Amino acid sequence: MSRFSEVKNLIDSLEGDFDKFYDKKNQAAGTRVRKGMQDLKNLAQEIRIDVQNIKNEG
């Protein structure tokens, strides 16, 4: 379940930047949101590979 916690923590860490970008139109926060979303995409891909490997082993 640690992988789920990683995803959850990453999303939680982006909440403030989402608010700053969408509500206050802070452009720097938008850059941080984009970086965070890229990190989320990479993490999701790692998890997909882990799940596939575990599935294939058993």
PDB file of N, CA and C in Angstrom:
ATOM      1  N   MET A   1       0.803  -1.200   0.000  1.00  0.00           N
ATOM      2  CA  MET A   1       0.000   0.000   0.000  1.00  0.00           C
ATOM      3  C   MET A   1       0.843   1.259   0.000  1.00  0.00           C
ATOM      4  N   SER A   2       2.152   1.129   0.112  1.00  0.00           N
ATOM      5  CA  SER A   2       2.992   2.323   0.149  1.00  0.00           C
ATOM      6  C   SER A   2       2.924   3.088  -1.178  1.00  0.00           C
ATOM      7  N   ARG A   3       2.705   2.382  -2.272  1.00  0.00           N
ATOM      8  CA  ARG A   3       2.602   3.047  -3.571  1.00  0.00           C
ATOM      9  C   ARG A   3       1.366   3.938  -3.610  1.00  0.00           C
ATOM     10  N   PHE A   4       0.271   3.444  -3.035  1.00  0.00           N
ATOM     11  CA  PHE A   4      -0.949   4.244  -2.974  1.00  0.00           C
ATOM     12  C   PHE A   4      -0.705   5.497  -2.146  1.00  0.00           C
ATOM     13  N   SER A   5       0.026   5.350  -1.065  1.00  0.00           N
ATOM     14  CA  SER A   5       0.350   6.500  -0.217  1.00  0.00           C
ATOM     15  C   SER A   5       1.187   7.523  -0.976  1.00  0.00           C
ATOM     16  N   GLU A   6       2.099   7.048  -1.810  1.00  0.00           N
ATOM     17  CA  GLU A   6       2.911   7.963  -2.618  1.00  0.00           C
ATOM     18  C   GLU A   6       2.028   8.795  -3.544  1.00  0.00           C
ATOM     19  N   VAL A   7       1.078   8.141  -4.196  1.00  0.00           N
ATOM     20  CA  VAL A   7       0.172   8.848  -5.103  1.00  0.00           C
ATOM     21  C   VAL A   7      -0.652   9.868  -4.321  1.00  0.00           C
ATOM     22  N   LYS A   8      -1.189   9.424  -3.208  1.00  0.00           N
ATOM     23  CA  LYS A   8      -2.030  10.286  -2.375  1.00  0.00           C
ATOM     24  C   LYS A   8      -1.246  11.494  -1.862  1.00  0.00           C
ATOM     25  N   ASN A   9      -0.037  11.274  -1.398  1.00  0.00           N
ATOM     26  CA  ASN A   9       0.795  12.370  -0.894  1.00  0.00           C
ATOM     27  C   ASN A   9       1.152  13.359  -2.000  1.00  0.00           C
ATOM     28  N   LEU A  10       1.443  12.853  -3.186  1.00  0.00           N
ATOM     29  CA  LEU A  10       1.771  13.731  -4.303  1.00  0.00           C
ATOM     30  C   LEU A  10       0.578  14.612  -4.660  1.00  0.00           C
ATOM     31  N   ILE A  11      -0.591  14.023  -4.728  1.00  0.00           N
ATOM     32  CA  ILE A  11      -1.791  14.795  -5.045  1.00  0.00           C
ATOM     33  C   ILE A  11      -2.075  15.819  -3.957  1.00  0.00           C
ATOM     34  N   ASP A  12      -1.950  15.405  -2.705  1.00  0.00           N
ATOM     35  CA  ASP A  12      -2.175  16.339  -1.599  1.00  0.00           C
ATOM     36  C   ASP A  12      -1.194  17.508  -1.636  1.00  0.00           C
ATOM     37  N   SER A  13       0.040  17.231  -2.032  1.00  0.00           N
ATOM     38  CA  SER A  13       1.046  18.292  -2.057  1.00  0.00           C
ATOM     39  C   SER A  13       0.767  19.321  -3.157  1.00  0.00           C
ATOM     40  N   LEU A  14      -0.002  18.947  -4.157  1.00  0.00           N
ATOM     41  CA  LEU A  14      -0.305  19.842  -5.266  1.00  0.00           C
ATOM     42  C   LEU A  14      -1.541  20.709  -5.022  1.00  0.00           C
ATOM     43  N   GLU A  15      -2.292  20.416  -3.993  1.00  0.00           N
ATOM     44  CA  GLU A  15      -3.560  21.106  -3.774  1.00  0.00           C
ATOM     45  C   GLU A  15      -3.407  22.622  -3.681  1.00  0.00           C
ATOM     46  N   GLY A  16      -2.431  23.074  -2.933  1.00  0.00           N
ATOM     47  CA  GLY A  16      -2.212  24.510  -2.787  1.00  0.00           C
ATOM     48  C   GLY A  16      -1.875  25.184  -4.100  1.00  0.00           C
ATOM     49  N   ASP A  17      -1.046  24.530  -4.900  1.00  0.00           N
ATOM     50  CA  ASP A  17      -0.669  25.099  -6.186  1.00  0.00           C
ATOM     51  C   ASP A  17      -1.853  25.131  -7.153  1.00  0.00           C
ATOM     52  N   PHE A  18      -2.714  24.123  -7.098  1.00  0.00           N
ATOM     53  CA  PHE A  18      -3.919  24.143  -7.925  1.00  0.00           C
ATOM     54  C   PHE A  18      -4.781  25.351  -7.572  1.00  0.00           C
ATOM     55  N   ASP A  19      -4.967  25.580  -6.276  1.00  0.00           N
ATOM     56  CA  ASP A  19      -5.770  26.731  -5.834  1.00  0.00           C
ATOM     57  C   ASP A  19      -5.146  28.047  -6.290  1.00  0.00           C
ATOM     58  N   LYS A  20      -3.834  28.149  -6.103  1.00  0.00           N
ATOM     59  CA  LYS A  20      -3.153  29.388  -6.493  1.00  0.00           C
ATOM     60  C   LYS A  20      -3.257  29.633  -7.993  1.00  0.00           C
ATOM     61  N   PHE A  21      -3.143  28.582  -8.781  1.00  0.00           N
ATOM     62  CA  PHE A  21      -3.188  28.762 -10.229  1.00  0.00           C
ATOM     63  C   PHE A  21      -4.598  29.061 -10.719  1.00  0.00           C
ATOM     64  N   TYR A  22      -5.560  28.232 -10.337  1.00  0.00           N
ATOM     65  CA  TYR A  22      -6.908  28.385 -10.879  1.00  0.00           C
ATOM     66  C   TYR A  22      -7.688  29.533 -10.246  1.00  0.00           C
ATOM     67  N   ASP A  23      -7.497  29.768  -8.951  1.00  0.00           N
ATOM     68  CA  ASP A  23      -8.269  30.812  -8.279  1.00  0.00           C
ATOM     69  C   ASP A  23      -7.586  32.174  -8.313  1.00  0.00           C
ATOM     70  N   LYS A  24      -6.270  32.174  -8.140  1.00  0.00           N
ATOM     71  CA  LYS A  24      -5.546  33.442  -8.047  1.00  0.00           C
ATOM     72  C   LYS A  24      -4.744  33.763  -9.303  1.00  0.00           C
ATOM     73  N   LYS A  25      -4.791  32.859 -10.287  1.00  0.00           N
ATOM     74  CA  LYS A  25      -4.107  33.055 -11.574  1.00  0.00           C
ATOM     75  C   LYS A  25      -2.599  33.253 -11.436  1.00  0.00           C
ATOM     76  N   ASN A  26      -1.997  32.562 -10.474  1.00  0.00           N
ATOM     77  CA  ASN A  26      -0.564  32.635 -10.237  1.00  0.00           C
ATOM     78  C   ASN A  26       0.146  31.721 -11.254  1.00  0.00           C
ATOM     79  N   GLN A  27       0.905  32.328 -12.164  1.00  0.00           N
ATOM     80  CA  GLN A  27       1.541  31.577 -13.242  1.00  0.00           C
ATOM     81  C   GLN A  27       2.626  30.613 -12.740  1.00  0.00           C
ATOM     82  N   ALA A  28       3.365  31.007 -11.718  1.00  0.00           N
ATOM     83  CA  ALA A  28       4.405  30.132 -11.173  1.00  0.00           C
ATOM     84  C   ALA A  28       3.785  28.867 -10.579  1.00  0.00           C
ATOM     85  N   ALA A  29       2.617  29.016  -9.979  1.00  0.00           N
ATOM     86  CA  ALA A  29       1.920  27.846  -9.432  1.00  0.00           C
ATOM     87  C   ALA A  29       1.514  26.905 -10.564  1.00  0.00           C
ATOM     88  N   GLY A  30       1.184  27.469 -11.724  1.00  0.00           N
ATOM     89  CA  GLY A  30       0.843  26.645 -12.876  1.00  0.00           C
ATOM     90  C   GLY A  30       2.015  25.790 -13.320  1.00  0.00           C
ATOM     91  N   THR A  31       3.193  26.359 -13.265  1.00  0.00           N
ATOM     92  CA  THR A  31       4.397  25.599 -13.606  1.00  0.00           C
ATOM     93  C   THR A  31       4.594  24.446 -12.627  1.00  0.00           C
ATOM     94  N   ARG A  32       4.376  24.717 -11.349  1.00  0.00           N
ATOM     95  CA  ARG A  32       4.505  23.659 -10.336  1.00  0.00           C
ATOM     96  C   ARG A  32       3.442  22.582 -10.525  1.00  0.00           C
ATOM     97  N   VAL A  33       2.240  22.981 -10.915  1.00  0.00           N
ATOM     98  CA  VAL A  33       1.171  22.009 -11.179  1.00  0.00           C
ATOM     99  C   VAL A  33       1.575  21.109 -12.345  1.00  0.00           C
ATOM    100  N   ARG A  34       2.091  21.716 -13.409  1.00  0.00           N
ATOM    101  CA  ARG A  34       2.503  20.926 -14.569  1.00  0.00           C
ATOM    102  C   ARG A  34       3.600  19.942 -14.200  1.00  0.00           C
ATOM    103  N   LYS A  35       4.569  20.376 -13.403  1.00  0.00           N
ATOM    104  CA  LYS A  35       5.646  19.478 -12.975  1.00  0.00           C
ATOM    105  C   LYS A  35       5.087  18.349 -12.111  1.00  0.00           C
ATOM    106  N   GLY A  36       4.205  18.713 -11.197  1.00  0.00           N
ATOM    107  CA  GLY A  36       3.602  17.704 -10.332  1.00  0.00           C
ATOM    108  C   GLY A  36       2.791  16.685 -11.103  1.00  0.00           C
ATOM    109  N   MET A  37       2.088  17.146 -12.123  1.00  0.00           N
ATOM    110  CA  MET A  37       1.299  16.226 -12.937  1.00  0.00           C
ATOM    111  C   MET A  37       2.200  15.305 -13.747  1.00  0.00           C
ATOM    112  N   GLN A  38       3.339  15.801 -14.191  1.00  0.00           N
ATOM    113  CA  GLN A  38       4.309  14.951 -14.883  1.00  0.00           C
ATOM    114  C   GLN A  38       4.867  13.903 -13.922  1.00  0.00           C
ATOM    115  N   ASP A  39       5.159  14.316 -12.690  1.00  0.00           N
ATOM    116  CA  ASP A  39       5.627  13.369 -11.676  1.00  0.00           C
ATOM    117  C   ASP A  39       4.568  12.312 -11.403  1.00  0.00           C
ATOM    118  N   LEU A  40       3.301  12.729 -11.356  1.00  0.00           N
ATOM    119  CA  LEU A  40       2.202  11.790 -11.142  1.00  0.00           C
ATOM    120  C   LEU A  40       2.111  10.796 -12.293  1.00  0.00           C
ATOM    121  N   LYS A  41       2.263  11.289 -13.502  1.00  0.00           N
ATOM    122  CA  LYS A  41       2.236  10.415 -14.677  1.00  0.00           C
ATOM    123  C   LYS A  41       3.351   9.379 -14.605  1.00  0.00           C
ATOM    124  N   ASN A  42       4.554   9.820 -14.245  1.00  0.00           N
ATOM    125  CA  ASN A  42       5.694   8.897 -14.146  1.00  0.00           C
ATOM    126  C   ASN A  42       5.482   7.882 -13.039  1.00  0.00           C
ATOM    127  N   LEU A  43       4.950   8.331 -11.907  1.00  0.00           N
ATOM    128  CA  LEU A  43       4.678   7.419 -10.796  1.00  0.00           C
ATOM    129  C   LEU A  43       3.621   6.394 -11.196  1.00  0.00           C
ATOM    130  N   ALA A  44       2.585   6.857 -11.887  1.00  0.00           N
ATOM    131  CA  ALA A  44       1.541   5.940 -12.340  1.00  0.00           C
ATOM    132  C   ALA A  44       2.116   4.885 -13.286  1.00  0.00           C
ATOM    133  N   GLN A  45       3.016   5.287 -14.161  1.00  0.00           N
ATOM    134  CA  GLN A  45       3.628   4.334 -15.077  1.00  0.00           C
ATOM    135  C   GLN A  45       4.469   3.305 -14.319  1.00  0.00           C
ATOM    136  N   GLU A  46       5.216   3.759 -13.312  1.00  0.00           N
ATOM    137  CA  GLU A  46       6.003   2.830 -12.491  1.00  0.00           C
ATOM    138  C   GLU A  46       5.094   1.818 -11.802  1.00  0.00           C
ATOM    139  N   ILE A  47       3.974   2.292 -11.277  1.00  0.00           N
ATOM    140  CA  ILE A  47       3.037   1.405 -10.585  1.00  0.00           C
ATOM    141  C   ILE A  47       2.439   0.403 -11.570  1.00  0.00           C
ATOM    142  N   ARG A  48       2.101   0.864 -12.773  1.00  0.00           N
ATOM    143  CA  ARG A  48       1.552  -0.039 -13.785  1.00  0.00           C
ATOM    144  C   ARG A  48       2.547  -1.161 -14.100  1.00  0.00           C
ATOM    145  N   ILE A  49       3.821  -0.816 -14.206  1.00  0.00           N
ATOM    146  CA  ILE A  49       4.854  -1.816 -14.491  1.00  0.00           C
ATOM    147  C   ILE A  49       4.983  -2.790 -13.325  1.00  0.00           C
ATOM    148  N   ASP A  50       4.984  -2.266 -12.096  1.00  0.00           N
ATOM    149  CA  ASP A  50       5.056  -3.130 -10.908  1.00  0.00           C
ATOM    150  C   ASP A  50       3.889  -4.109 -10.865  1.00  0.00           C
ATOM    151  N   VAL A  51       2.692  -3.604 -11.109  1.00  0.00           N
ATOM    152  CA  VAL A  51       1.500  -4.457 -11.075  1.00  0.00           C
ATOM    153  C   VAL A  51       1.603  -5.540 -12.139  1.00  0.00           C
ATOM    154  N   GLN A  52       2.022  -5.172 -13.328  1.00  0.00           N
ATOM    155  CA  GLN A  52       2.157  -6.153 -14.411  1.00  0.00           C
ATOM    156  C   GLN A  52       3.194  -7.211 -14.060  1.00  0.00           C
ATOM    157  N   ASN A  53       4.326  -6.804 -13.489  1.00  0.00           N
ATOM    158  CA  ASN A  53       5.362  -7.768 -13.111  1.00  0.00           C
ATOM    159  C   ASN A  53       4.880  -8.719 -12.033  1.00  0.00           C
ATOM    160  N   ILE A  54       4.194  -8.186 -11.030  1.00  0.00           N
ATOM    161  CA  ILE A  54       3.669  -9.033  -9.958  1.00  0.00           C
ATOM    162  C   ILE A  54       2.618  -9.996 -10.504  1.00  0.00           C
ATOM    163  N   LYS A  55       1.779  -9.502 -11.382  1.00  0.00           N
ATOM    164  CA  LYS A  55       0.748 -10.322 -12.010  1.00  0.00           C
ATOM    165  C   LYS A  55       1.368 -11.470 -12.800  1.00  0.00           C
ATOM    166  N   ASN A  56       2.418 -11.181 -13.532  1.00  0.00           N
ATOM    167  CA  ASN A  56       3.058 -12.193 -14.364  1.00  0.00           C
ATOM    168  C   ASN A  56       3.843 -13.212 -13.548  1.00  0.00           C
ATOM    169  N   GLU A  57       4.344 -12.810 -12.378  1.00  0.00           N
ATOM    170  CA  GLU A  57       5.106 -13.735 -11.530  1.00  0.00           C
ATOM    171  C   GLU A  57       4.196 -14.794 -10.903  1.00  0.00           C
ATOM    172  N   GLY A  58       2.999 -14.388 -10.522  1.00  0.00           N
ATOM    173  CA  GLY A  58       2.134 -15.288  -9.763  1.00  0.00           C
ATOM    174  C   GLY A  58       1.125 -15.867 -10.602  1.00  0.00           C
TER     175      GLY A  58
END
